[in-house]
Amino acid sequence: MAYILALNPGILGDSDALGAAAFPAGGVFVATAIAAGVATLLMGLFANYPIALAPGMGINAFIAYTVIAPWGNGYTWQEALAAVFISGIIFLVISLTPIRKWIINAVPNGLKKAIGAGIGFFIAFIGLQNAGIIVPDAAVSVSLGDLSDPAVLLAVFGIVVALSFFVMKGKISKFALILSMAVTAVVGIAMTYIFGLTGNAGLPTFGEFNYSSLSEFKETFFGFAKGFKTVFSHTDLWFVLFSLIYLDIFDTAGTLIAVSEPAGLLDEEGNLKDVDKAMLADAIGTTVGAMVGTSTVTSFVESSAGIEAGARTGLSSVVVGVLFLVSIVAFPIFNIFIGSFALTSMALVLVGILMFSQIKNIDFSDLPTLGAAFIIIVMMVLTYSIGMGIAFGFIAYVLMMMVQKRFKEVNPVMYVLAVAFIAYFAVEALF
């Protein structure tokens, strides 16, 4: 999970793509370490679960490339943090009521998997774009980048290394992400200094090996408070909040379900023990994360690595939480990665592949599920918005089920969401 300390600041602080709208990357690094540390400690001490938490991949991309992006909703990063804070409070309330179960049970399993796969596709697409492997093209939207650029070649090398580690048998595949980042960093730094390429902004250098950017934490700390003054002026705030809450609930629920049996977290009836406490820890983590300056905190499926190694109680979470907090002193090392997307692109692609693998669990024999899943995945990428993909997919699913006269098979919540999304698009089109 250490990779999130480099990727989260790199995504939220992507000044190359977002310009002045980007978060202060140094502040996000500290906020990421604090939010992950506090949330994971809560999960261990309060819920006694061997599960670690940190700002979620996918959700951070949604914040960066949809919510605050100039071509997206156009929020300031302070307003985005205010939205994350509000979503955390709402999630906190939902975790204490039956609403959580209603939401989880309302969405068909196939659409849940499609959303996960779509986010994976979206993250990988962002990784390829940021690395310069694919670039904007006025004629055909996107095309192949400049393969003569050393930074692009380094990114390609990193992806090849990451995929090689990923498919290896044995324990090495579990460390594919961190190993590929380390190998690519060594090769990248060698390229920079041996061939005198310090002028290439895409390549890693030792110029970032310092603590100076940590002072940016004073900007992100309680930065959400400034956003409260204007965030409610955005008519699409409800849409942003829905997307954040939905993604957090299903990220957490999916992780808990995935690791529950091997971790011994199920009771005699097959239900999760103290699941309310685990959800509360997640919700509090998101709220704390917004206060210190980062995107939504969620449970990480990488926790399964610790469980496979024997973790069964919250003690492992306490250890991981402490390590997250201590990692702040290693900022100069992580800063080398934050400053070079040639190093982090392979991580985005590999995480995307892992998330996209959920597509195998979709029942493609059910035509409404097939159609909606396809629309969710494609529209996430083509609209550059996770929320838009969910909205179009939900509307399509309800319409196709109605055409097949399978009215009773659709949860009432899905009807409500479909109508709400249609109303949103109508308002956007008319006003």
Protein backbone atom coordinates (compact mmCIF):
# COMPACT_ATOMS: atom_id res chain seq x y z
CA MET A 1 0.00 0.00 0.00
CA ALA A 2 3.00 2.32 0.26
CA TYR A 3 2.47 3.27 -3.38
CA ILE A 4 -0.54 5.42 -2.42
CA LEU A 5 1.84 7.87 -0.71
CA ALA A 6 3.30 8.66 -4.13
CA LEU A 7 0.26 8.18 -6.36
CA ASN A 8 -2.29 10.20 -4.38
CA PRO A 9 -0.24 13.43 -4.33
CA GLY A 10 0.72 12.78 -7.94
CA ILE A 11 -2.92 12.56 -9.03
CA LEU A 12 -4.47 15.30 -6.87
CA GLY A 13 -1.43 17.52 -7.42
CA ASP A 14 -1.17 16.87 -11.16
CA SER A 15 -0.30 20.45 -12.12
CA ASP A 16 0.65 19.42 -15.67
CA ALA A 17 -2.95 18.47 -16.43
CA LEU A 18 -4.88 20.56 -13.91
CA GLY A 19 -2.76 23.70 -13.84
CA ALA A 20 -3.61 26.11 -11.03
CA ALA A 21 -6.57 23.92 -10.02
CA ALA A 22 -4.26 21.19 -8.67
CA PHE A 23 -3.86 20.45 -4.98
CA PRO A 24 -0.54 21.37 -3.31
CA ALA A 25 1.22 18.00 -3.73
CA GLY A 26 3.39 18.27 -0.61
CA GLY A 27 0.36 18.99 1.54
CA VAL A 28 -1.51 16.05 0.03
CA PHE A 29 1.39 13.73 0.89
CA VAL A 30 1.23 14.65 4.58
CA ALA A 31 -2.57 14.50 4.53
CA THR A 32 -2.45 11.05 2.90
CA ALA A 33 -0.09 9.70 5.55
CA ILE A 34 -2.14 11.19 8.41
CA ALA A 35 -5.54 10.14 7.04
CA ALA A 36 -4.35 6.61 6.25
CA GLY A 37 -2.63 6.32 9.63
CA VAL A 38 -5.58 7.57 11.68
CA ALA A 39 -8.20 5.57 9.75
CA THR A 40 -6.17 2.35 9.89
CA LEU A 41 -5.52 2.79 13.61
CA LEU A 42 -9.27 3.25 14.13
CA MET A 43 -9.98 0.10 12.14
CA GLY A 44 -7.57 -1.83 14.34
CA LEU A 45 -8.38 -0.38 17.76
CA PHE A 46 -12.12 0.21 17.34
CA ALA A 47 -13.29 -2.50 14.93
CA ASN A 48 -10.45 -5.00 15.56
CA TYR A 49 -10.25 -5.70 11.81
CA PRO A 50 -6.95 -6.54 10.05
CA ILE A 51 -7.78 -4.08 7.28
CA ALA A 52 -5.84 -0.98 6.25
CA LEU A 53 -7.34 2.20 4.83
CA ALA A 54 -6.04 5.07 2.71
CA PRO A 55 -7.31 7.55 0.11
CA GLY A 56 -8.87 5.38 -2.57
CA MET A 57 -7.62 4.97 -6.12
CA GLY A 58 -10.43 5.85 -8.49
CA ILE A 59 -12.02 8.28 -6.06
CA ASN A 60 -8.92 10.47 -6.16
CA ALA A 61 -9.02 10.36 -9.96
CA PHE A 62 -12.69 11.37 -9.84
CA ILE A 63 -11.83 14.36 -7.64
CA ALA A 64 -8.89 15.41 -9.81
CA TYR A 65 -10.09 14.82 -13.35
CA THR A 66 -13.84 15.37 -12.93
CA VAL A 67 -14.58 17.55 -9.90
CA ILE A 68 -11.75 20.12 -9.97
CA ALA A 69 -10.61 19.78 -13.59
CA PRO A 70 -11.19 22.91 -15.72
CA TRP A 71 -12.93 20.68 -18.29
CA GLY A 72 -15.04 19.03 -15.55
CA ASN A 73 -17.14 20.48 -12.74
CA GLY A 74 -14.64 23.26 -12.15
CA TYR A 75 -14.55 23.17 -8.35
CA THR A 76 -11.59 24.61 -6.48
CA TRP A 77 -9.62 22.02 -4.55
CA GLN A 78 -10.92 23.61 -1.33
CA GLU A 79 -14.50 23.11 -2.54
CA ALA A 80 -13.66 19.52 -3.46
CA LEU A 81 -12.41 18.92 0.09
CA ALA A 82 -15.62 20.46 1.44
CA ALA A 83 -17.61 18.00 -0.70
CA VAL A 84 -15.48 15.11 0.61
CA PHE A 85 -16.07 16.30 4.19
CA ILE A 86 -19.83 16.48 3.65
CA SER A 87 -19.85 13.02 2.05
CA GLY A 88 -17.92 11.69 5.05
CA ILE A 89 -20.53 13.07 7.46
CA ILE A 90 -23.35 11.60 5.37
CA PHE A 91 -21.54 8.25 5.20
CA LEU A 92 -21.15 8.42 8.98
CA VAL A 93 -24.93 8.80 9.37
CA ILE A 94 -25.61 6.09 6.79
CA SER A 95 -23.29 3.71 8.65
CA LEU A 96 -25.46 4.08 11.76
CA THR A 97 -28.75 3.37 9.97
CA PRO A 98 -30.30 0.66 7.73
CA ILE A 99 -29.78 2.97 4.75
CA ARG A 100 -26.37 1.38 4.15
CA LYS A 101 -27.91 -2.04 3.54
CA TRP A 102 -30.60 -0.55 1.31
CA ILE A 103 -28.00 1.08 -0.92
CA ILE A 104 -25.80 -2.01 -1.07
CA ASN A 105 -28.75 -4.28 -1.90
CA ALA A 106 -30.30 -1.87 -4.41
CA VAL A 107 -27.62 -2.09 -7.08
CA PRO A 108 -27.40 -5.38 -9.04
CA ASN A 109 -24.17 -7.25 -8.50
CA GLY A 110 -23.30 -7.08 -12.19
CA LEU A 111 -23.42 -3.28 -12.17
CA LYS A 112 -21.27 -3.14 -9.03
CA LYS A 113 -18.62 -5.20 -10.82
CA ALA A 114 -18.95 -3.07 -13.96
CA ILE A 115 -18.31 0.08 -11.94
CA GLY A 116 -15.14 -1.45 -10.48
CA ALA A 117 -14.00 -2.57 -13.94
CA GLY A 118 -14.82 0.82 -15.41
CA ILE A 119 -12.81 2.63 -12.76
CA GLY A 120 -9.90 0.31 -13.55
CA PHE A 121 -10.13 1.14 -17.25
CA PHE A 122 -10.36 4.85 -16.39
CA ILE A 123 -7.32 4.78 -14.10
CA ALA A 124 -5.24 2.90 -16.68
CA PHE A 125 -6.28 5.42 -19.35
CA ILE A 126 -5.15 8.28 -17.09
CA GLY A 127 -1.84 6.51 -16.50
CA LEU A 128 -1.21 6.11 -20.22
CA GLN A 129 -2.13 9.74 -20.85
CA ASN A 130 -0.01 11.16 -18.06
CA ALA A 131 2.95 9.09 -19.24
CA GLY A 132 2.60 10.51 -22.76
CA ILE A 133 2.07 7.05 -24.24
CA ILE A 134 -1.23 8.29 -25.64
CA VAL A 135 -1.81 11.96 -26.38
CA PRO A 136 -4.73 14.19 -27.47
CA ASP A 137 -5.34 14.31 -31.21
CA ALA A 138 -7.69 16.80 -32.86
CA ALA A 139 -8.55 14.36 -35.64
CA VAL A 140 -9.18 11.12 -33.72
CA SER A 141 -9.39 12.25 -30.06
CA VAL A 142 -6.28 10.32 -28.96
CA SER A 143 -3.27 8.80 -30.68
CA LEU A 144 0.11 7.25 -29.87
CA GLY A 145 2.58 9.59 -28.19
CA ASP A 146 6.18 10.40 -29.04
CA LEU A 147 8.13 7.20 -28.44
CA SER A 148 11.39 9.06 -28.98
CA ASP A 149 10.83 10.98 -25.74
CA PRO A 150 13.02 9.41 -23.00
CA ALA A 151 10.29 9.94 -20.39
CA VAL A 152 7.76 8.08 -22.54
CA LEU A 153 10.23 5.26 -23.13
CA LEU A 154 10.85 5.04 -19.38
CA ALA A 155 7.10 4.80 -18.78
CA VAL A 156 6.80 2.00 -21.35
CA PHE A 157 9.72 0.22 -19.69
CA GLY A 158 8.04 0.59 -16.29
CA ILE A 159 4.77 -0.88 -17.53
CA VAL A 160 6.61 -3.85 -19.08
CA VAL A 161 8.47 -4.43 -15.80
CA ALA A 162 5.25 -4.12 -13.78
CA LEU A 163 3.41 -6.61 -15.98
CA SER A 164 6.37 -9.00 -15.85
CA PHE A 165 6.41 -8.98 -12.05
CA PHE A 166 2.61 -9.24 -12.00
CA VAL A 167 2.48 -12.50 -13.97
CA MET A 168 5.37 -14.17 -12.14
CA LYS A 169 4.47 -17.12 -9.97
CA GLY A 170 5.03 -17.03 -6.23
CA LYS A 171 5.10 -14.20 -3.73
CA ILE A 172 6.95 -11.79 -6.02
CA SER A 173 3.70 -11.03 -7.88
CA LYS A 174 2.23 -9.59 -4.67
CA PHE A 175 4.97 -6.97 -4.63
CA ALA A 176 4.79 -6.23 -8.37
CA LEU A 177 3.71 -2.64 -7.83
CA ILE A 178 6.35 -1.49 -5.39
CA LEU A 179 9.13 -3.50 -7.10
CA SER A 180 8.34 -2.10 -10.54
CA MET A 181 8.30 1.46 -9.18
CA ALA A 182 11.68 0.92 -7.50
CA VAL A 183 13.30 -0.66 -10.58
CA THR A 184 11.96 2.05 -12.88
CA ALA A 185 13.15 4.77 -10.50
CA VAL A 186 16.70 3.40 -10.53
CA VAL A 187 16.71 3.11 -14.33
CA GLY A 188 15.13 6.56 -14.69
CA ILE A 189 17.64 8.30 -12.45
CA ALA A 190 20.47 6.56 -14.29
CA MET A 191 19.05 7.78 -17.62
CA THR A 192 18.71 11.32 -16.29
CA TYR A 193 22.30 11.70 -15.12
CA ILE A 194 24.23 9.41 -17.46
CA PHE A 195 22.70 10.94 -20.59
CA GLY A 196 22.39 14.47 -19.20
CA LEU A 197 18.59 14.62 -19.40
CA THR A 198 17.97 16.77 -16.32
CA GLY A 199 15.99 19.18 -18.50
CA ASN A 200 13.30 16.56 -19.20
CA ALA A 201 10.52 17.26 -16.69
CA GLY A 202 9.12 13.75 -17.08
CA LEU A 203 12.24 12.03 -15.75
CA PRO A 204 13.10 11.58 -12.06
CA THR A 205 15.91 13.61 -10.50
CA PHE A 206 17.46 14.06 -7.08
CA GLY A 207 16.37 17.69 -7.24
CA GLU A 208 13.15 16.66 -5.49
CA PHE A 209 15.05 14.95 -2.67
CA ASN A 210 14.18 17.45 0.08
CA TYR A 211 11.52 18.38 2.65
CA SER A 212 10.68 21.86 1.36
CA SER A 213 7.28 20.95 -0.11
CA LEU A 214 6.01 19.68 3.25
CA SER A 215 5.30 23.30 4.18
CA GLU A 216 2.32 23.09 1.78
CA PHE A 217 0.48 21.12 4.45
CA LYS A 218 -0.49 24.41 6.08
CA GLU A 219 -2.55 25.08 2.93
CA THR A 220 -4.40 21.75 2.85
CA PHE A 221 -4.91 21.52 6.63
CA PHE A 222 -8.51 22.66 7.16
CA GLY A 223 -8.50 23.93 3.58
CA PHE A 224 -12.01 22.48 3.28
CA ALA A 225 -13.29 25.28 5.52
CA LYS A 226 -12.59 27.83 2.77
CA GLY A 227 -14.50 25.68 0.33
CA PHE A 228 -17.64 25.70 2.49
CA LYS A 229 -18.22 29.34 1.56
CA THR A 230 -18.89 28.54 -2.08
CA VAL A 231 -19.39 24.79 -2.53
CA PHE A 232 -23.16 25.01 -2.14
CA SER A 233 -23.35 27.36 -5.12
CA HIS A 234 -22.64 24.39 -7.41
CA THR A 235 -25.92 22.97 -8.69
CA ASP A 236 -24.26 19.61 -9.34
CA LEU A 237 -23.09 19.19 -5.74
CA TRP A 238 -25.64 16.45 -5.09
CA PHE A 239 -24.27 14.51 -8.07
CA VAL A 240 -20.71 14.81 -6.75
CA LEU A 241 -21.81 13.78 -3.24
CA PHE A 242 -23.72 10.77 -4.57
CA SER A 243 -20.67 9.60 -6.52
CA LEU A 244 -18.34 10.00 -3.53
CA ILE A 245 -20.68 8.23 -1.09
CA TYR A 246 -21.51 5.44 -3.52
CA LEU A 247 -17.87 4.73 -4.33
CA ASP A 248 -16.87 4.76 -0.66
CA ILE A 249 -19.67 2.44 0.44
CA PHE A 250 -19.01 -0.14 -2.25
CA ASP A 251 -15.23 0.07 -1.99
CA THR A 252 -15.47 -0.67 1.71
CA ALA A 253 -18.21 -3.28 1.44
CA GLY A 254 -16.39 -5.03 -1.40
CA THR A 255 -13.13 -5.17 0.53
CA LEU A 256 -14.80 -6.42 3.71
CA ILE A 257 -16.60 -9.16 1.80
CA ALA A 258 -13.43 -10.15 -0.10
CA VAL A 259 -11.29 -10.63 3.00
CA SER A 260 -13.95 -11.67 5.52
CA GLU A 261 -13.74 -15.46 5.21
CA PRO A 262 -9.93 -15.91 5.20
CA ALA A 263 -9.65 -13.38 8.03
CA GLY A 264 -12.24 -15.17 10.16
CA LEU A 265 -14.50 -12.12 10.29
CA LEU A 266 -17.77 -14.03 9.78
CA ASP A 267 -20.09 -15.18 12.54
CA GLU A 268 -21.89 -18.54 12.63
CA GLU A 269 -24.60 -17.25 10.29
CA GLY A 270 -22.11 -16.01 7.72
CA ASN A 271 -22.52 -12.32 8.55
CA LEU A 272 -19.66 -9.89 9.15
CA LYS A 273 -18.86 -9.33 12.80
CA ASP A 274 -18.95 -5.71 14.00
CA VAL A 275 -19.43 -4.47 10.44
CA ASP A 276 -20.94 -1.23 11.76
CA LYS A 277 -17.69 -0.44 13.58
CA ALA A 278 -15.68 -1.08 10.42
CA MET A 279 -17.95 1.22 8.40
CA LEU A 280 -17.70 3.90 11.09
CA ALA A 281 -13.91 3.72 11.03
CA ASP A 282 -14.05 4.23 7.27
CA ALA A 283 -16.47 7.16 7.52
CA ILE A 284 -14.41 8.85 10.23
CA GLY A 285 -11.29 8.30 8.12
CA THR A 286 -12.91 10.12 5.19
CA THR A 287 -13.93 13.01 7.44
CA VAL A 288 -10.44 13.29 8.93
CA GLY A 289 -8.92 13.02 5.46
CA ALA A 290 -10.96 15.96 4.22
CA MET A 291 -9.95 18.00 7.25
CA VAL A 292 -6.24 17.47 6.66
CA GLY A 293 -6.43 17.77 2.88
CA THR A 294 -7.01 14.57 0.91
CA SER A 295 -9.73 12.72 -0.97
CA THR A 296 -12.06 10.00 0.31
CA VAL A 297 -10.50 7.31 2.51
CA THR A 298 -11.57 3.73 1.92
CA SER A 299 -10.59 0.15 2.76
CA PHE A 300 -7.84 -1.40 0.62
CA VAL A 301 -8.08 -4.93 -0.74
CA GLU A 302 -4.28 -5.09 -0.41
CA SER A 303 -5.07 -5.91 3.23
CA SER A 304 -5.46 -9.48 2.00
CA ALA A 305 -1.65 -9.71 1.80
CA GLY A 306 -1.43 -9.31 5.56
CA ILE A 307 -4.29 -11.72 6.11
CA GLU A 308 -2.57 -14.36 3.98
CA ALA A 309 0.52 -13.84 6.14
CA GLY A 310 -1.51 -14.62 9.26
CA ALA A 311 -3.13 -11.33 10.35
CA ARG A 312 -6.44 -12.00 12.11
CA THR A 313 -6.90 -9.08 14.50
CA GLY A 314 -6.63 -5.32 14.56
CA LEU A 315 -3.02 -5.52 15.71
CA SER A 316 -1.84 -5.65 12.10
CA SER A 317 -3.87 -2.52 11.34
CA VAL A 318 -2.29 -0.74 14.30
CA VAL A 319 1.18 -1.57 12.95
CA VAL A 320 0.27 -0.39 9.43
CA GLY A 321 -1.33 2.77 10.81
CA VAL A 322 1.79 3.66 12.77
CA LEU A 323 3.98 3.00 9.72
CA PHE A 324 1.83 5.35 7.63
CA LEU A 325 2.37 8.12 10.18
CA VAL A 326 6.11 7.43 10.41
CA SER A 327 6.40 7.46 6.61
CA ILE A 328 6.20 11.26 6.64
CA VAL A 329 9.93 11.34 7.44
CA ALA A 330 10.58 9.47 4.17
CA PHE A 331 9.00 12.26 2.10
CA PRO A 332 12.16 13.03 0.06
CA ILE A 333 12.15 9.48 -1.31
CA PHE A 334 8.44 9.57 -2.20
CA ASN A 335 8.86 13.04 -3.68
CA ILE A 336 11.07 11.60 -6.44
CA PHE A 337 8.08 9.50 -7.54
CA ILE A 338 5.51 12.28 -7.08
CA GLY A 339 7.41 14.53 -9.46
CA SER A 340 7.65 12.00 -12.30
CA PHE A 341 4.64 10.38 -13.94
CA ALA A 342 7.08 8.23 -15.88
CA LEU A 343 7.50 6.40 -12.55
CA THR A 344 3.88 6.32 -11.41
CA SER A 345 2.20 5.52 -14.72
CA MET A 346 2.93 1.81 -14.47
CA ALA A 347 1.28 1.78 -11.04
CA LEU A 348 -1.87 3.36 -12.48
CA VAL A 349 -1.93 0.83 -15.31
CA LEU A 350 -1.34 -2.14 -13.01
CA VAL A 351 -3.96 -1.00 -10.48
CA GLY A 352 -6.30 -0.49 -13.42
CA ILE A 353 -5.72 -4.05 -14.60
CA LEU A 354 -6.40 -5.44 -11.13
CA MET A 355 -9.65 -3.48 -10.88
CA PHE A 356 -10.70 -4.34 -14.44
CA SER A 357 -10.45 -8.05 -13.58
CA GLN A 358 -13.84 -7.70 -11.85
CA ILE A 359 -15.40 -7.89 -15.30
CA LYS A 360 -15.11 -11.69 -15.19
CA ASN A 361 -17.80 -11.80 -12.48
CA ILE A 362 -20.46 -10.08 -14.60
CA ASP A 363 -23.29 -12.28 -15.92
CA PHE A 364 -23.18 -11.40 -19.61
CA SER A 365 -26.04 -13.81 -20.37
CA ASP A 366 -28.41 -11.23 -18.87
CA LEU A 367 -28.81 -8.66 -21.65
CA PRO A 368 -29.79 -5.61 -19.52
CA THR A 369 -26.78 -6.26 -17.31
CA LEU A 370 -24.53 -6.67 -20.35
CA GLY A 371 -25.77 -3.46 -21.94
CA ALA A 372 -25.60 -1.41 -18.75
CA ALA A 373 -22.15 -2.76 -17.86
CA PHE A 374 -20.82 -1.83 -21.29
CA ILE A 375 -22.27 1.68 -21.05
CA ILE A 376 -20.85 2.20 -17.54
CA ILE A 377 -17.33 1.19 -18.58
CA VAL A 378 -17.26 3.03 -21.91
CA MET A 379 -18.90 6.23 -20.69
CA MET A 380 -16.55 6.52 -17.71
CA VAL A 381 -13.63 6.75 -20.10
CA LEU A 382 -15.25 8.72 -22.93
CA THR A 383 -16.76 11.35 -20.62
CA TYR A 384 -13.69 11.31 -18.38
CA SER A 385 -16.05 10.96 -15.42
CA ILE A 386 -16.77 8.03 -13.10
CA GLY A 387 -20.02 9.66 -12.02
CA MET A 388 -21.27 10.08 -15.59
CA GLY A 389 -20.55 6.44 -16.33
CA ILE A 390 -22.59 5.36 -13.30
CA ALA A 391 -25.45 7.70 -14.23
CA PHE A 392 -25.75 6.58 -17.86
CA GLY A 393 -25.40 2.92 -16.87
CA PHE A 394 -28.11 3.08 -14.20
CA ILE A 395 -30.53 4.83 -16.56
CA ALA A 396 -29.84 2.29 -19.31
CA TYR A 397 -30.31 -0.66 -16.93
CA VAL A 398 -33.69 0.54 -15.67
CA LEU A 399 -34.93 1.29 -19.20
CA MET A 400 -33.84 -2.11 -20.55
CA MET A 401 -35.44 -3.94 -17.61
CA MET A 402 -38.67 -2.01 -18.23
CA VAL A 403 -38.61 -2.93 -21.93
CA GLN A 404 -38.34 -6.59 -20.89
CA LYS A 405 -41.25 -6.01 -18.45
CA ARG A 406 -39.12 -7.13 -15.51
CA PHE A 407 -40.41 -4.31 -13.33
CA LYS A 408 -40.43 -6.23 -10.05
CA GLU A 409 -36.81 -7.31 -10.45
CA VAL A 410 -35.62 -3.72 -10.25
CA ASN A 411 -35.08 -2.36 -6.75
CA PRO A 412 -37.18 0.79 -6.07
CA VAL A 413 -33.98 2.68 -5.22
CA MET A 414 -32.77 2.11 -8.80
CA TYR A 415 -35.95 3.70 -10.16
CA VAL A 416 -35.41 6.72 -7.91
CA LEU A 417 -31.77 7.06 -8.98
CA ALA A 418 -32.63 6.71 -12.67
CA VAL A 419 -35.27 9.45 -12.44
CA ALA A 420 -32.87 11.69 -10.48
CA PHE A 421 -30.13 11.25 -13.09
CA ILE A 422 -32.54 11.96 -15.96
CA ALA A 423 -33.72 15.10 -14.15
CA TYR A 424 -30.11 16.17 -13.66
CA PHE A 425 -29.29 15.80 -17.35
CA ALA A 426 -32.51 17.63 -18.30
CA VAL A 427 -31.66 20.57 -16.03
CA GLU A 428 -28.09 20.68 -17.38
CA ALA A 429 -29.39 20.70 -20.95
CA LEU A 430 -32.05 23.35 -20.40
CA PHE A 431 -30.28 25.71 -18.05
